[in-house]
Each structure stands twice: as C-alpha cells, then as structure tokens.
Amino acid sequence: MNWRWIGYFALAFVVIQIPVIGTFFKIADTMIHESSHAIMTLLLQEKVLQIELFANTEGVTYSEFSSRTSSILISAAGYTGSSIAALCLAVLCARGKHAASLWFFLLVAAVNLVLWVRNPFGMTWLALFIGLLLFALWRRGNWTVVLSVGLYVFVLAESVSGSFTILWLSLHSPASAGDAANLARDTLLPAGFWGALFMLQAIVFGFLSVRTVMRRSVTSAKGRTVSY
C-alpha cells in the first residue's frame, strides 16, 4: 500500500471541501472540460467564439460549427477530455514530473486567458491561477509537488463526481443535462444513455489513474526501478 498517496488523496479531499479555497481549485477541472470542447472545435476546423468560467464551478463554451457530426464530437469532448487529463496527470505525478504538470496547467490557462475567456470572473480566476502556478514553479521543491498532486486529485475528483451529476440530471431532468442534452438532440439516443456513458468512461479512466499513482514503484526506460 502506498501510504504517501493515500495521504495526498486525504489532504486534497479535505482541501476541496473548504469554502472558497475548494471552489477555486475545482474550477481547474472546469477549465480543462471547457478547453476540451474548444480544442475539439479547432481540430474539426470550426470556430471557438468564447468560453465563460463561473464562480459556481460551471462553465460554457460557445462554438460555431457546420455539421451535426461536429456538434456531436464537440459535445462529447468535455467529459472525455477531463478524464483523459486526469490519467495524463497521474502519469506525470507517478513519474515525478511535477513541474511538467504545472506547465501543462499554465499553458492551458494562458491560452484561455489570451484567446477565449472574456467574462470578468473567468479572467480574474485565470489571472490568479496563473500567478499561483508561476509562484510554485519559481519556489520549486515542495511547492511544485504539493500543487501538482493537489491539482491532479482535484481534476480526478471533479471528473468522476461530475459524471455522476450529469447522469442524475440526464435521468431526472434531461433538458438540463448539458452535454448529454446536446448529444440527445443530435442523435437518436436519449440523454440517459450519454450520461451513463460519461459516468462509465470517468470510472474507467479514474481507476486507471489511481492505479497508476498507487503503484509502489515504476520502472524507468533503462530498466531501473525507482520507488515513490
């Protein structure tokens, strides 16, 4: 059992429950979720109009697209992107690449601030978040490790809990189910199907993510075993 990581998970769980502070860090997952919509929009050669981030940890991406296929892929990208990001962050943390993890968040936040986010709260949050990342990268050491691990756990927790929320909404209030509602509109499948699919993929990626960081050791490319 890797007790260090159990301690990290426990501490992050406590922090995320603290008013204001917990909300501040939860928005990091919202940023990744909305950025995933935007990145898929660009990959499909469509147009990203604007992203908004809100104090209640919700967000919205406005895009222009030319086909139903584009709409489906863009709508599906949000929850999938968050789950994939959680797994990638787990790999970086497990390999001790904490600075790389923070540079990833810094890049995403900077792109959002420069190109997409225009609502006052969103821009303010991004500026504060970027400042925190730069400070941790400047101080290095424990600052980098703690923030990197904390952000990974927050993204993991939000990606999984968010999938349960969207499933509940898709079953009890389909019209309010966000991405699941959009997918139901563009396909012949009900919102409940998409909510269940989002939950299933979040659980699978979440399991893989936790298994990655909970291993006692990883083997480097040279065959050397390094304990964490």
C-alpha atoms as a PDB file:
ATOM      1  CA  MET A   1       0.000   0.000   0.000  1.00  0.00           C
ATOM      2  CA  ASN A   2       1.401   3.427  -0.971  1.00  0.00           C
ATOM      3  CA  TRP A   3       0.596   5.419   2.162  1.00  0.00           C
ATOM      4  CA  ARG A   4       2.097   8.606   0.758  1.00  0.00           C
ATOM      5  CA  TRP A   5      -0.506   8.748  -1.984  1.00  0.00           C
ATOM      6  CA  ILE A   6      -3.285   7.859   0.437  1.00  0.00           C
ATOM      7  CA  GLY A   7      -2.186  10.876   2.462  1.00  0.00           C
ATOM      8  CA  TYR A   8      -2.210  13.052  -0.671  1.00  0.00           C
ATOM      9  CA  PHE A   9      -5.734  11.924  -1.536  1.00  0.00           C
ATOM     10  CA  ALA A  10      -6.966  12.507   2.020  1.00  0.00           C
ATOM     11  CA  LEU A  11      -5.446  16.004   2.203  1.00  0.00           C
ATOM     12  CA  ALA A  12      -6.835  17.015  -1.188  1.00  0.00           C
ATOM     13  CA  PHE A  13     -10.277  15.709  -0.191  1.00  0.00           C
ATOM     14  CA  VAL A  14     -10.195  17.942   2.898  1.00  0.00           C
ATOM     15  CA  VAL A  15      -8.997  20.998   0.970  1.00  0.00           C
ATOM     16  CA  ILE A  16     -11.621  20.617  -1.739  1.00  0.00           C
ATOM     17  CA  GLN A  17     -14.365  20.823   0.914  1.00  0.00           C
ATOM     18  CA  ILE A  18     -13.157  24.194   2.231  1.00  0.00           C
ATOM     19  CA  PRO A  19     -15.370  27.073   1.045  1.00  0.00           C
ATOM     20  CA  VAL A  20     -13.759  29.460  -1.457  1.00  0.00           C
ATOM     21  CA  ILE A  21     -10.426  27.563  -1.494  1.00  0.00           C
ATOM     22  CA  GLY A  22     -12.026  24.300  -2.599  1.00  0.00           C
ATOM     23  CA  THR A  23     -14.137  26.095  -5.185  1.00  0.00           C
ATOM     24  CA  PHE A  24     -11.074  27.902  -6.538  1.00  0.00           C
ATOM     25  CA  PHE A  25      -9.310  24.622  -7.287  1.00  0.00           C
ATOM     26  CA  LYS A  26     -12.416  22.863  -8.603  1.00  0.00           C
ATOM     27  CA  ILE A  27     -12.557  25.403 -11.424  1.00  0.00           C
ATOM     28  CA  ALA A  28      -9.292  23.939 -12.753  1.00  0.00           C
ATOM     29  CA  ASP A  29     -11.302  20.931 -13.928  1.00  0.00           C
ATOM     30  CA  THR A  30     -13.955  23.214 -15.418  1.00  0.00           C
ATOM     31  CA  MET A  31     -11.182  24.933 -17.382  1.00  0.00           C
ATOM     32  CA  ILE A  32      -9.972  21.595 -18.729  1.00  0.00           C
ATOM     33  CA  HIS A  33     -13.529  20.495 -19.543  1.00  0.00           C
ATOM     34  CA  GLU A  34     -14.322  23.656 -21.499  1.00  0.00           C
ATOM     35  CA  SER A  35     -10.889  23.690 -23.132  1.00  0.00           C
ATOM     36  CA  SER A  36     -11.548  20.155 -24.375  1.00  0.00           C
ATOM     37  CA  HIS A  37     -14.662  21.436 -26.158  1.00  0.00           C
ATOM     38  CA  ALA A  38     -12.596  24.257 -27.661  1.00  0.00           C
ATOM     39  CA  ILE A  39      -9.721  22.002 -28.759  1.00  0.00           C
ATOM     40  CA  MET A  40     -12.125  19.595 -30.461  1.00  0.00           C
ATOM     41  CA  THR A  41     -13.746  22.573 -32.189  1.00  0.00           C
ATOM     42  CA  LEU A  42     -10.372  23.643 -33.565  1.00  0.00           C
ATOM     43  CA  LEU A  43      -9.425  20.089 -34.591  1.00  0.00           C
ATOM     44  CA  LEU A  44     -12.613  19.973 -36.656  1.00  0.00           C
ATOM     45  CA  GLN A  45     -11.637  23.312 -38.228  1.00  0.00           C
ATOM     46  CA  GLU A  46     -14.635  25.035 -36.667  1.00  0.00           C
ATOM     47  CA  LYS A  47     -14.656  28.316 -34.717  1.00  0.00           C
ATOM     48  CA  VAL A  48     -14.402  28.885 -30.955  1.00  0.00           C
ATOM     49  CA  LEU A  49     -16.284  32.045 -30.029  1.00  0.00           C
ATOM     50  CA  GLN A  50     -15.869  32.325 -26.271  1.00  0.00           C
ATOM     51  CA  ILE A  51     -15.528  30.413 -23.001  1.00  0.00           C
ATOM     52  CA  GLU A  52     -17.060  31.502 -19.716  1.00  0.00           C
ATOM     53  CA  LEU A  53     -15.999  30.262 -16.273  1.00  0.00           C
ATOM     54  CA  PHE A  54     -18.254  30.896 -13.292  1.00  0.00           C
ATOM     55  CA  ALA A  55     -17.861  31.088  -9.515  1.00  0.00           C
ATOM     56  CA  ASN A  56     -20.201  28.100  -9.008  1.00  0.00           C
ATOM     57  CA  THR A  57     -17.620  25.942 -10.889  1.00  0.00           C
ATOM     58  CA  GLU A  58     -19.786  25.755 -14.017  1.00  0.00           C
ATOM     59  CA  GLY A  59     -18.618  26.806 -17.460  1.00  0.00           C
ATOM     60  CA  VAL A  60     -19.795  27.111 -21.039  1.00  0.00           C
ATOM     61  CA  THR A  61     -18.101  27.084 -24.429  1.00  0.00           C
ATOM     62  CA  TYR A  62     -19.641  28.882 -27.395  1.00  0.00           C
ATOM     63  CA  SER A  63     -18.671  27.471 -30.783  1.00  0.00           C
ATOM     64  CA  GLU A  64     -19.730  27.801 -34.388  1.00  0.00           C
ATOM     65  CA  PHE A  65     -19.903  24.513 -36.292  1.00  0.00           C
ATOM     66  CA  SER A  66     -21.104  23.485 -39.693  1.00  0.00           C
ATOM     67  CA  SER A  67     -22.458  19.957 -39.222  1.00  0.00           C
ATOM     68  CA  ARG A  68     -24.242  17.648 -36.814  1.00  0.00           C
ATOM     69  CA  THR A  69     -21.153  15.447 -36.685  1.00  0.00           C
ATOM     70  CA  SER A  70     -19.099  18.375 -35.445  1.00  0.00           C
ATOM     71  CA  SER A  71     -21.726  19.155 -32.827  1.00  0.00           C
ATOM     72  CA  ILE A  72     -21.671  15.564 -31.544  1.00  0.00           C
ATOM     73  CA  LEU A  73     -17.879  15.388 -31.311  1.00  0.00           C
ATOM     74  CA  ILE A  74     -17.612  18.802 -29.652  1.00  0.00           C
ATOM     75  CA  SER A  75     -20.302  17.944 -27.091  1.00  0.00           C
ATOM     76  CA  ALA A  76     -18.651  14.621 -26.266  1.00  0.00           C
ATOM     77  CA  ALA A  77     -15.201  16.140 -25.808  1.00  0.00           C
ATOM     78  CA  GLY A  78     -15.737  17.847 -22.438  1.00  0.00           C
ATOM     79  CA  TYR A  79     -16.123  14.936 -20.010  1.00  0.00           C
ATOM     80  CA  THR A  80     -13.834  12.748 -22.083  1.00  0.00           C
ATOM     81  CA  GLY A  81     -11.134  15.415 -22.045  1.00  0.00           C
ATOM     82  CA  SER A  82     -11.308  15.771 -18.261  1.00  0.00           C
ATOM     83  CA  SER A  83     -10.954  12.012 -17.772  1.00  0.00           C
ATOM     84  CA  ILE A  84      -8.025  11.765 -20.173  1.00  0.00           C
ATOM     85  CA  ALA A  85      -6.369  14.755 -18.488  1.00  0.00           C
ATOM     86  CA  ALA A  86      -6.700  13.061 -15.085  1.00  0.00           C
ATOM     87  CA  LEU A  87      -4.926   9.976 -16.415  1.00  0.00           C
ATOM     88  CA  CYS A  88      -2.151  12.019 -18.050  1.00  0.00           C
ATOM     89  CA  LEU A  89      -1.639  13.992 -14.838  1.00  0.00           C
ATOM     90  CA  ALA A  90      -1.458  10.718 -12.904  1.00  0.00           C
ATOM     91  CA  VAL A  91       1.333   9.517 -15.197  1.00  0.00           C
ATOM     92  CA  LEU A  92       3.267  12.755 -14.720  1.00  0.00           C
ATOM     93  CA  CYS A  93       2.866  12.684 -10.936  1.00  0.00           C
ATOM     94  CA  ALA A  94       3.791   8.996 -10.692  1.00  0.00           C
ATOM     95  CA  ARG A  95       6.979   9.699 -12.643  1.00  0.00           C
ATOM     96  CA  GLY A  96       7.824  12.717 -10.509  1.00  0.00           C
ATOM     97  CA  LYS A  97       7.286  15.168 -13.395  1.00  0.00           C
ATOM     98  CA  HIS A  98       5.553  17.710 -11.178  1.00  0.00           C
ATOM     99  CA  ALA A  99       6.935  20.776 -12.939  1.00  0.00           C
ATOM    100  CA  ALA A 100       5.682  19.416 -16.277  1.00  0.00           C
ATOM    101  CA  SER A 101       2.227  19.017 -14.745  1.00  0.00           C
ATOM    102  CA  LEU A 102       2.187  22.660 -13.644  1.00  0.00           C
ATOM    103  CA  TRP A 103       3.474  23.821 -17.038  1.00  0.00           C
ATOM    104  CA  PHE A 104       0.551  21.969 -18.610  1.00  0.00           C
ATOM    105  CA  PHE A 105      -1.929  23.874 -16.445  1.00  0.00           C
ATOM    106  CA  LEU A 106      -0.064  27.110 -17.106  1.00  0.00           C
ATOM    107  CA  LEU A 107      -0.252  26.613 -20.872  1.00  0.00           C
ATOM    108  CA  VAL A 108      -3.983  25.821 -20.802  1.00  0.00           C
ATOM    109  CA  ALA A 109      -4.747  28.750 -18.502  1.00  0.00           C
ATOM    110  CA  ALA A 110      -2.695  31.199 -20.593  1.00  0.00           C
ATOM    111  CA  VAL A 111      -4.385  30.137 -23.840  1.00  0.00           C
ATOM    112  CA  ASN A 112      -7.793  30.533 -22.212  1.00  0.00           C
ATOM    113  CA  LEU A 113      -6.945  33.994 -20.884  1.00  0.00           C
ATOM    114  CA  VAL A 114      -5.478  35.256 -24.148  1.00  0.00           C
ATOM    115  CA  LEU A 115      -7.865  33.696 -26.655  1.00  0.00           C
ATOM    116  CA  TRP A 116     -11.149  32.524 -25.196  1.00  0.00           C
ATOM    117  CA  VAL A 117     -12.298  33.605 -21.747  1.00  0.00           C
ATOM    118  CA  ARG A 118     -13.846  37.073 -21.631  1.00  0.00           C
ATOM    119  CA  ASN A 119     -16.251  37.156 -18.685  1.00  0.00           C
ATOM    120  CA  PRO A 120     -14.893  39.124 -15.670  1.00  0.00           C
ATOM    121  CA  PHE A 121     -14.909  36.269 -13.151  1.00  0.00           C
ATOM    122  CA  GLY A 122     -13.257  33.883 -15.588  1.00  0.00           C
ATOM    123  CA  MET A 123     -10.477  36.318 -16.459  1.00  0.00           C
ATOM    124  CA  THR A 124      -9.872  37.131 -12.786  1.00  0.00           C
ATOM    125  CA  TRP A 125      -9.719  33.457 -11.820  1.00  0.00           C
ATOM    126  CA  LEU A 126      -7.309  32.692 -14.662  1.00  0.00           C
ATOM    127  CA  ALA A 127      -5.009  35.556 -13.675  1.00  0.00           C
ATOM    128  CA  LEU A 128      -4.913  34.361 -10.046  1.00  0.00           C
ATOM    129  CA  PHE A 129      -4.424  30.743 -11.101  1.00  0.00           C
ATOM    130  CA  ILE A 130      -1.558  31.655 -13.427  1.00  0.00           C
ATOM    131  CA  GLY A 131       0.038  33.661 -10.634  1.00  0.00           C
ATOM    132  CA  LEU A 132      -0.190  30.672  -8.268  1.00  0.00           C
ATOM    133  CA  LEU A 133       1.352  28.343 -10.860  1.00  0.00           C
ATOM    134  CA  LEU A 134       4.215  30.735 -11.575  1.00  0.00           C
ATOM    135  CA  PHE A 135       4.886  31.141  -7.862  1.00  0.00           C
ATOM    136  CA  ALA A 136       5.003  27.349  -7.332  1.00  0.00           C
ATOM    137  CA  LEU A 137       7.305  26.892 -10.327  1.00  0.00           C
ATOM    138  CA  TRP A 138       9.560  29.671  -9.026  1.00  0.00           C
ATOM    139  CA  ARG A 139       9.761  28.275  -5.498  1.00  0.00           C
ATOM    140  CA  ARG A 140      10.132  24.664  -6.733  1.00  0.00           C
ATOM    141  CA  GLY A 141      10.561  21.843  -4.228  1.00  0.00           C
ATOM    142  CA  ASN A 142       7.532  21.062  -2.074  1.00  0.00           C
ATOM    143  CA  TRP A 143       5.518  23.894  -3.597  1.00  0.00           C
ATOM    144  CA  THR A 144       5.679  22.255  -7.012  1.00  0.00           C
ATOM    145  CA  VAL A 145       4.968  18.762  -5.690  1.00  0.00           C
ATOM    146  CA  VAL A 146       2.036  19.719  -3.463  1.00  0.00           C
ATOM    147  CA  LEU A 147       0.328  21.882  -6.093  1.00  0.00           C
ATOM    148  CA  SER A 148       0.885  19.314  -8.851  1.00  0.00           C
ATOM    149  CA  VAL A 149      -0.514  16.443  -6.803  1.00  0.00           C
ATOM    150  CA  GLY A 150      -3.354  18.573  -5.490  1.00  0.00           C
ATOM    151  CA  LEU A 151      -4.442  19.676  -8.954  1.00  0.00           C
ATOM    152  CA  TYR A 152      -4.296  16.101 -10.207  1.00  0.00           C
ATOM    153  CA  VAL A 153      -6.529  14.907  -7.362  1.00  0.00           C
ATOM    154  CA  PHE A 154      -8.944  17.811  -7.841  1.00  0.00           C
ATOM    155  CA  VAL A 155      -9.274  17.084 -11.573  1.00  0.00           C
ATOM    156  CA  LEU A 156      -9.735  13.378 -10.866  1.00  0.00           C
ATOM    157  CA  ALA A 157     -12.379  14.006  -8.186  1.00  0.00           C
ATOM    158  CA  GLU A 158     -14.291  16.506 -10.291  1.00  0.00           C
ATOM    159  CA  SER A 159     -14.179  14.406 -13.459  1.00  0.00           C
ATOM    160  CA  VAL A 160     -15.701  11.447 -11.607  1.00  0.00           C
ATOM    161  CA  SER A 161     -18.195  13.367  -9.460  1.00  0.00           C
ATOM    162  CA  GLY A 162     -19.217  15.470 -12.459  1.00  0.00           C
ATOM    163  CA  SER A 163     -20.052  12.325 -14.416  1.00  0.00           C
ATOM    164  CA  PHE A 164     -22.397  11.189 -11.650  1.00  0.00           C
ATOM    165  CA  THR A 165     -24.042  14.610 -11.641  1.00  0.00           C
ATOM    166  CA  ILE A 166     -24.611  14.553 -15.395  1.00  0.00           C
ATOM    167  CA  LEU A 167     -26.026  11.025 -15.140  1.00  0.00           C
ATOM    168  CA  TRP A 168     -28.504  12.101 -12.451  1.00  0.00           C
ATOM    169  CA  LEU A 169     -29.550  15.144 -14.492  1.00  0.00           C
ATOM    170  CA  SER A 170     -29.851  13.115 -17.692  1.00  0.00           C
ATOM    171  CA  LEU A 171     -32.265  10.739 -15.952  1.00  0.00           C
ATOM    172  CA  HIS A 172     -34.308  13.207 -13.884  1.00  0.00           C
ATOM    173  CA  SER A 173     -34.061  16.448 -15.885  1.00  0.00           C
ATOM    174  CA  PRO A 174     -32.823  15.579 -19.393  1.00  0.00           C
ATOM    175  CA  ALA A 175     -33.267  19.087 -20.780  1.00  0.00           C
ATOM    176  CA  SER A 176     -30.860  20.433 -18.126  1.00  0.00           C
ATOM    177  CA  ALA A 177     -28.211  17.779 -18.681  1.00  0.00           C
ATOM    178  CA  GLY A 178     -25.779  19.994 -20.589  1.00  0.00           C
ATOM    179  CA  ASP A 179     -23.564  17.960 -22.916  1.00  0.00           C
ATOM    180  CA  ALA A 180     -25.817  14.900 -22.566  1.00  0.00           C
ATOM    181  CA  ALA A 181     -28.806  17.001 -23.613  1.00  0.00           C
ATOM    182  CA  ASN A 182     -26.911  18.337 -26.631  1.00  0.00           C
ATOM    183  CA  LEU A 183     -25.960  14.810 -27.667  1.00  0.00           C
ATOM    184  CA  ALA A 184     -29.534  13.602 -27.245  1.00  0.00           C
ATOM    185  CA  ARG A 185     -30.664  16.432 -29.512  1.00  0.00           C
ATOM    186  CA  ASP A 186     -28.167  15.498 -32.222  1.00  0.00           C
ATOM    187  CA  THR A 187     -28.564  11.712 -32.044  1.00  0.00           C
ATOM    188  CA  LEU A 188     -31.340   9.163 -31.671  1.00  0.00           C
ATOM    189  CA  LEU A 189     -30.042   8.193 -28.229  1.00  0.00           C
ATOM    190  CA  PRO A 190     -31.568   9.604 -25.004  1.00  0.00           C
ATOM    191  CA  ALA A 191     -29.698  11.845 -22.581  1.00  0.00           C
ATOM    192  CA  GLY A 192     -29.643   8.986 -20.056  1.00  0.00           C
ATOM    193  CA  PHE A 193     -27.531   6.895 -22.414  1.00  0.00           C
ATOM    194  CA  TRP A 194     -24.940   9.642 -22.748  1.00  0.00           C
ATOM    195  CA  GLY A 195     -24.983  10.319 -19.022  1.00  0.00           C
ATOM    196  CA  ALA A 196     -24.302   6.636 -18.329  1.00  0.00           C
ATOM    197  CA  LEU A 197     -21.557   6.569 -20.965  1.00  0.00           C
ATOM    198  CA  PHE A 198     -19.858   9.627 -19.428  1.00  0.00           C
ATOM    199  CA  MET A 199     -20.027   8.025 -15.991  1.00  0.00           C
ATOM    200  CA  LEU A 200     -18.619   4.719 -17.245  1.00  0.00           C
ATOM    201  CA  GLN A 201     -15.655   6.300 -19.019  1.00  0.00           C
ATOM    202  CA  ALA A 202     -14.942   8.520 -15.989  1.00  0.00           C
ATOM    203  CA  ILE A 203     -14.867   5.471 -13.711  1.00  0.00           C
ATOM    204  CA  VAL A 204     -12.592   3.527 -16.082  1.00  0.00           C
ATOM    205  CA  PHE A 205     -10.135   6.397 -16.515  1.00  0.00           C
ATOM    206  CA  GLY A 206     -10.355   7.176 -12.805  1.00  0.00           C
ATOM    207  CA  PHE A 207      -9.473   3.583 -11.924  1.00  0.00           C
ATOM    208  CA  LEU A 208      -6.530   3.601 -14.321  1.00  0.00           C
ATOM    209  CA  SER A 209      -5.423   6.937 -12.906  1.00  0.00           C
ATOM    210  CA  VAL A 210      -5.492   5.799  -9.278  1.00  0.00           C
ATOM    211  CA  ARG A 211      -3.788   2.515 -10.144  1.00  0.00           C
ATOM    212  CA  THR A 212      -1.020   4.472 -11.878  1.00  0.00           C
ATOM    213  CA  VAL A 213      -0.147   6.592  -8.857  1.00  0.00           C
ATOM    214  CA  MET A 214      -0.738   3.894  -6.229  1.00  0.00           C
ATOM    215  CA  ARG A 215       1.869   1.513  -7.579  1.00  0.00           C
ATOM    216  CA  ARG A 216       4.801   1.078  -5.232  1.00  0.00           C
ATOM    217  CA  SER A 217       7.314   1.760  -7.985  1.00  0.00           C
ATOM    218  CA  VAL A 218       7.778   2.470 -11.654  1.00  0.00           C
ATOM    219  CA  THR A 219      10.474   1.140 -13.931  1.00  0.00           C
ATOM    220  CA  SER A 220      12.434   3.658 -15.933  1.00  0.00           C
ATOM    221  CA  ALA A 221      13.330   3.254 -19.591  1.00  0.00           C
ATOM    222  CA  LYS A 222      16.732   1.948 -18.543  1.00  0.00           C
ATOM    223  CA  GLY A 223      15.177  -0.835 -16.527  1.00  0.00           C
ATOM    224  CA  ARG A 224      15.987   0.832 -13.232  1.00  0.00           C
ATOM    225  CA  THR A 225      13.322   0.590 -10.519  1.00  0.00           C
ATOM    226  CA  VAL A 226      12.537   3.801  -8.698  1.00  0.00           C
ATOM    227  CA  SER A 227      10.349   3.880  -5.587  1.00  0.00           C
ATOM    228  CA  TYR A 228       7.948   6.763  -4.840  1.00  0.00           C
END
